[in-house]
Protein backbone atom coordinates (compact mmCIF):
# COMPACT_ATOMS: atom_id res chain seq x y z
CA MET A 1 -12.89 -4.93 29.26
CA SER A 2 -9.66 -3.11 28.33
CA LEU A 3 -9.10 -0.77 25.41
CA LEU A 4 -5.94 -0.32 23.34
CA GLN A 5 -5.63 3.05 21.59
CA VAL A 6 -3.05 3.65 18.88
CA ASP A 7 -2.88 7.23 17.69
CA SER A 8 -0.75 9.79 15.82
CA ILE A 9 1.67 7.22 14.38
CA ARG A 10 3.96 8.85 11.83
CA LYS A 11 7.01 7.30 10.22
CA SER A 12 9.19 8.26 7.26
CA TRP A 13 12.12 6.57 5.55
CA LYS A 14 14.60 9.00 3.99
CA GLN A 15 11.96 11.76 4.10
CA HIS A 16 9.42 9.53 2.35
CA PRO A 17 6.22 9.13 4.43
CA VAL A 18 5.47 5.47 5.22
CA LEU A 19 2.80 5.94 7.90
CA THR A 20 0.74 9.11 8.28
CA ASP A 21 -1.32 9.86 11.41
CA ILE A 22 -2.35 6.25 11.95
CA PHE A 23 -5.19 5.74 14.43
CA PHE A 24 -7.16 2.67 15.51
CA THR A 25 -8.51 0.97 18.63
CA CYS A 26 -8.91 -2.61 19.81
CA GLN A 27 -10.71 -3.90 22.86
CA THR A 28 -10.33 -7.20 24.68
CA GLY A 29 -12.60 -9.87 23.26
CA LYS A 30 -12.07 -8.61 19.70
CA VAL A 31 -9.81 -9.40 16.74
CA VAL A 32 -8.66 -6.57 14.47
CA GLY A 33 -7.39 -7.67 11.05
CA LEU A 34 -4.85 -5.49 9.24
CA LEU A 35 -4.62 -5.90 5.47
CA GLY A 36 -2.28 -4.22 3.01
CA SER A 37 -0.03 -5.00 0.06
CA ASN A 38 3.66 -5.82 0.36
CA GLY A 39 5.61 -2.77 1.46
CA SER A 40 2.56 -0.91 2.76
CA GLY A 41 4.07 -0.69 6.26
CA LYS A 42 2.16 -3.33 8.24
CA SER A 43 5.23 -4.80 9.95
CA THR A 44 6.64 -1.32 10.52
CA LEU A 45 3.40 -0.30 12.22
CA PHE A 46 3.52 -3.34 14.52
CA ARG A 47 7.15 -2.67 15.44
CA ILE A 48 6.35 0.97 16.23
CA ILE A 49 3.39 0.02 18.42
CA TYR A 50 5.63 -2.43 20.28
CA GLY A 51 8.38 0.16 20.64
CA ASP A 52 10.83 -1.86 18.57
CA ILE A 53 11.75 1.02 16.23
CA THR A 54 11.65 4.79 16.53
CA CYS A 55 9.34 7.12 14.64
CA GLU A 56 8.43 10.79 14.41
CA SER A 57 5.26 10.39 16.47
CA ARG A 58 3.77 7.60 18.58
CA PHE A 59 0.92 7.48 21.10
CA VAL A 60 -0.11 4.08 22.50
CA LYS A 61 -2.42 3.72 25.49
CA VAL A 62 -4.14 0.86 27.31
CA ASP A 63 -7.07 2.13 29.36
CA GLU A 64 -5.54 5.03 31.35
CA THR A 65 -1.91 3.93 31.00
CA VAL A 66 0.21 5.57 28.30
CA LEU A 67 2.82 3.09 27.05
CA ASN A 68 5.73 5.53 26.84
CA SER A 69 8.48 3.12 27.87
CA LEU A 70 9.65 -0.33 26.75
CA SER A 71 8.90 -1.85 30.16
CA LEU A 72 5.30 -0.59 30.13
CA THR A 73 4.76 -1.63 26.52
CA ARG A 74 5.97 -5.17 27.16
CA LYS A 75 3.75 -5.40 30.23
CA TYR A 76 0.59 -4.82 28.19
CA LEU A 77 1.51 -6.01 24.68
CA ASN A 78 2.80 -9.32 23.30
CA TYR A 79 4.36 -9.30 19.83
CA LEU A 80 4.99 -12.04 17.26
CA PRO A 81 7.65 -10.77 14.82
CA GLU A 82 8.18 -12.16 11.34
CA HIS A 83 11.59 -13.57 12.27
CA PRO A 84 12.24 -16.60 14.55
CA PHE A 85 13.12 -15.82 18.16
CA LEU A 86 13.42 -19.13 20.03
CA PRO A 87 16.99 -20.16 21.09
CA GLU A 88 17.89 -22.86 18.55
CA ALA A 89 20.28 -24.93 20.68
CA LEU A 90 17.81 -25.48 23.51
CA LYS A 91 15.03 -28.01 23.84
CA VAL A 92 11.57 -26.48 23.57
CA GLY A 93 10.87 -26.86 27.28
CA ALA A 94 14.19 -25.22 28.18
CA ALA A 95 13.61 -22.45 25.63
CA LEU A 96 10.30 -21.62 27.29
CA ARG A 97 12.01 -21.40 30.67
CA CYS A 98 14.77 -19.26 29.15
CA LEU A 99 12.10 -16.85 27.91
CA GLY A 100 10.53 -16.81 31.36
CA ARG A 101 7.54 -18.82 30.15
CA ALA A 102 7.75 -21.97 32.26
CA ASP A 103 4.06 -21.36 33.00
CA LEU A 104 3.25 -22.59 29.49
CA GLY A 105 4.18 -26.15 30.46
CA THR A 106 0.59 -27.06 31.29
CA ILE A 107 -0.74 -25.77 27.99
CA PHE A 108 1.91 -27.72 26.06
CA LYS A 109 1.42 -30.95 28.04
CA ASN A 110 -2.35 -30.85 27.57
CA ASP A 111 -2.15 -30.24 23.82
CA ALA A 112 -1.81 -33.37 21.66
CA PHE A 113 0.09 -31.45 18.97
CA LEU A 114 2.42 -29.49 21.25
CA SER A 115 3.25 -32.12 23.87
CA PRO A 116 5.59 -34.22 21.64
CA LEU A 117 7.59 -31.08 20.81
CA LEU A 118 8.70 -30.33 24.40
CA PRO A 119 11.73 -32.69 24.43
CA LYS A 120 12.90 -31.69 20.94
CA LYS A 121 15.59 -29.09 20.30
CA VAL A 122 14.29 -25.99 18.59
CA MET A 123 16.65 -26.59 15.66
CA GLU A 124 15.03 -30.01 15.13
CA LEU A 125 11.55 -28.58 14.64
CA SER A 126 10.05 -28.11 11.21
CA PHE A 127 9.28 -24.56 10.15
CA GLY A 128 5.60 -25.08 10.95
CA GLU A 129 6.26 -26.63 14.36
CA ARG A 130 8.62 -23.85 15.34
CA ARG A 131 6.26 -21.15 14.22
CA PHE A 132 3.41 -22.80 16.13
CA VAL A 133 5.46 -22.88 19.35
CA GLU A 134 6.36 -19.20 18.89
CA ILE A 135 2.73 -18.23 18.32
CA ILE A 136 1.56 -20.10 21.42
CA THR A 137 4.32 -18.43 23.45
CA VAL A 138 3.10 -15.00 22.35
CA LEU A 139 -0.65 -15.68 22.51
CA TYR A 140 -0.51 -16.87 26.10
CA GLY A 141 1.78 -14.11 27.32
CA MET A 142 0.89 -11.86 30.23
CA GLY A 143 -0.19 -8.86 28.17
CA SER A 144 -3.81 -7.94 27.48
CA PHE A 145 -3.18 -7.37 23.77
CA VAL A 146 -1.39 -9.44 21.12
CA LEU A 147 0.23 -8.34 17.84
CA LEU A 148 0.60 -11.21 15.35
CA ASP A 149 2.68 -10.47 12.26
CA GLU A 150 2.10 -13.04 9.49
CA PRO A 151 1.10 -15.95 11.77
CA PHE A 152 -0.10 -18.14 8.86
CA LYS A 153 2.77 -17.53 6.43
CA GLY A 154 4.17 -20.77 5.03
CA LEU A 155 2.04 -23.02 7.24
CA GLY A 156 0.00 -26.07 6.25
CA PRO A 157 -3.75 -26.46 6.83
CA LEU A 158 -3.38 -28.58 10.01
CA ILE A 159 -1.21 -26.08 11.86
CA LYS A 160 -3.37 -23.19 10.63
CA GLU A 161 -6.39 -24.94 12.10
CA GLN A 162 -4.60 -25.30 15.45
CA ILE A 163 -3.58 -21.61 15.46
CA ILE A 164 -7.14 -20.50 14.69
CA HIS A 165 -8.37 -22.63 17.60
CA HIS A 166 -5.93 -21.01 20.02
CA ILE A 167 -6.71 -17.50 18.75
CA SER A 168 -10.39 -18.19 19.42
CA GLN A 169 -9.53 -19.33 22.95
CA VAL A 170 -7.31 -16.36 23.75
CA LYS A 171 -9.76 -13.88 22.22
CA ARG A 172 -12.12 -14.49 25.13
CA HIS A 173 -9.98 -12.33 27.40
CA LYS A 174 -7.49 -10.52 25.15
CA GLY A 175 -7.50 -8.18 22.18
CA ILE A 176 -5.70 -9.46 19.08
CA ILE A 177 -4.37 -7.47 16.13
CA LEU A 178 -3.09 -9.60 13.27
CA THR A 179 -1.87 -9.15 9.75
CA ASP A 180 -1.34 -11.78 7.07
CA HIS A 181 -1.41 -12.13 3.31
CA ASP A 182 -3.99 -14.89 3.71
CA ALA A 183 -6.94 -12.53 3.35
CA ALA A 184 -9.47 -15.34 3.72
CA GLU A 185 -8.24 -16.20 7.21
CA ILE A 186 -8.09 -12.54 8.26
CA LEU A 187 -11.63 -11.90 7.06
CA ALA A 188 -12.94 -15.03 8.79
CA LEU A 189 -11.25 -14.31 12.13
CA SER A 190 -11.62 -10.56 12.47
CA ASP A 191 -14.33 -8.47 14.07
CA LYS A 192 -12.94 -5.35 12.39
CA ILE A 193 -10.90 -5.00 9.19
CA LEU A 194 -8.41 -2.20 8.52
CA LEU A 195 -6.64 -1.57 5.20
CA LEU A 196 -3.25 0.12 5.10
CA GLY A 197 -2.20 1.79 1.88
CA SER A 198 -0.29 4.90 0.75
CA GLY A 199 0.59 5.56 4.38
CA TYR A 200 -3.01 5.78 5.55
CA LEU A 201 -5.29 3.42 7.45
CA ARG A 202 -9.00 3.06 6.78
CA LYS A 203 -11.73 0.87 8.17
CA ILE A 204 -13.33 -1.63 5.80
CA SER A 205 -17.04 -2.22 6.35
CA GLN A 206 -17.73 -4.66 3.51
CA LYS A 207 -15.65 -7.15 1.51
CA SER A 208 -16.79 -5.39 -1.69
CA GLU A 209 -14.63 -2.39 -0.71
CA LEU A 210 -11.54 -4.60 -0.91
CA ILE A 211 -12.62 -5.92 -4.32
CA ASP A 212 -13.53 -2.50 -5.70
CA GLY A 213 -10.24 -1.10 -4.43
CA GLY A 214 -8.26 -3.82 -6.19
CA TYR A 215 -6.92 -5.48 -3.04
CA LEU A 216 -8.96 -8.66 -3.65
CA PRO A 217 -9.77 -10.22 -7.03
CA ALA A 218 -13.32 -9.90 -8.33
CA ASP A 219 -13.87 -13.66 -8.02
CA PHE A 220 -12.85 -13.78 -4.34
CA GLN A 221 -15.43 -16.07 -2.69
CA LYS A 222 -14.57 -16.39 1.02
């Protein structure tokens, strides 16, 4: 078992605090769900953890290794950003090789949904197909921990079902931190729920806390 520790994260925009002394942990075999309203700083937090943007304070550690450089961070963490990242002009198989992920060929060939996508150019994929390929690329990366930013956004039920299946598979040996506005999926998938608001992060023990706090409607059933 490995442990990811995120601590002392502070970030301000134009002297306005966005994130204040953020702390949480995630261990392999677990899914941590991050909830928060639009503009609460979820994507910013992910980008800071991954070392994609600077901040006033950042401490990220996996077991005894402090991730204080981009090379170390990318060795231990895989990150799905909100924006597309596959080279559009290449076929999917070639794009995987370009990203250094030729090892994913077996996973794609053995998956009934993914296999037909290999010979297609990335630009020919639908939004859902492209997003699915990106998610698989990140989930099955070499790192022990995965950051998924809005993996379900804009996707239909069939692709969502496939993503949930792969998350369940990868969870067996990795730690996953994900955020999405689909609260039902986050609550169903996660072993621990965190709520980000007003720059602070707090652990949610019961769904009623999200309802009482106004994040979920009173008639939320899932």
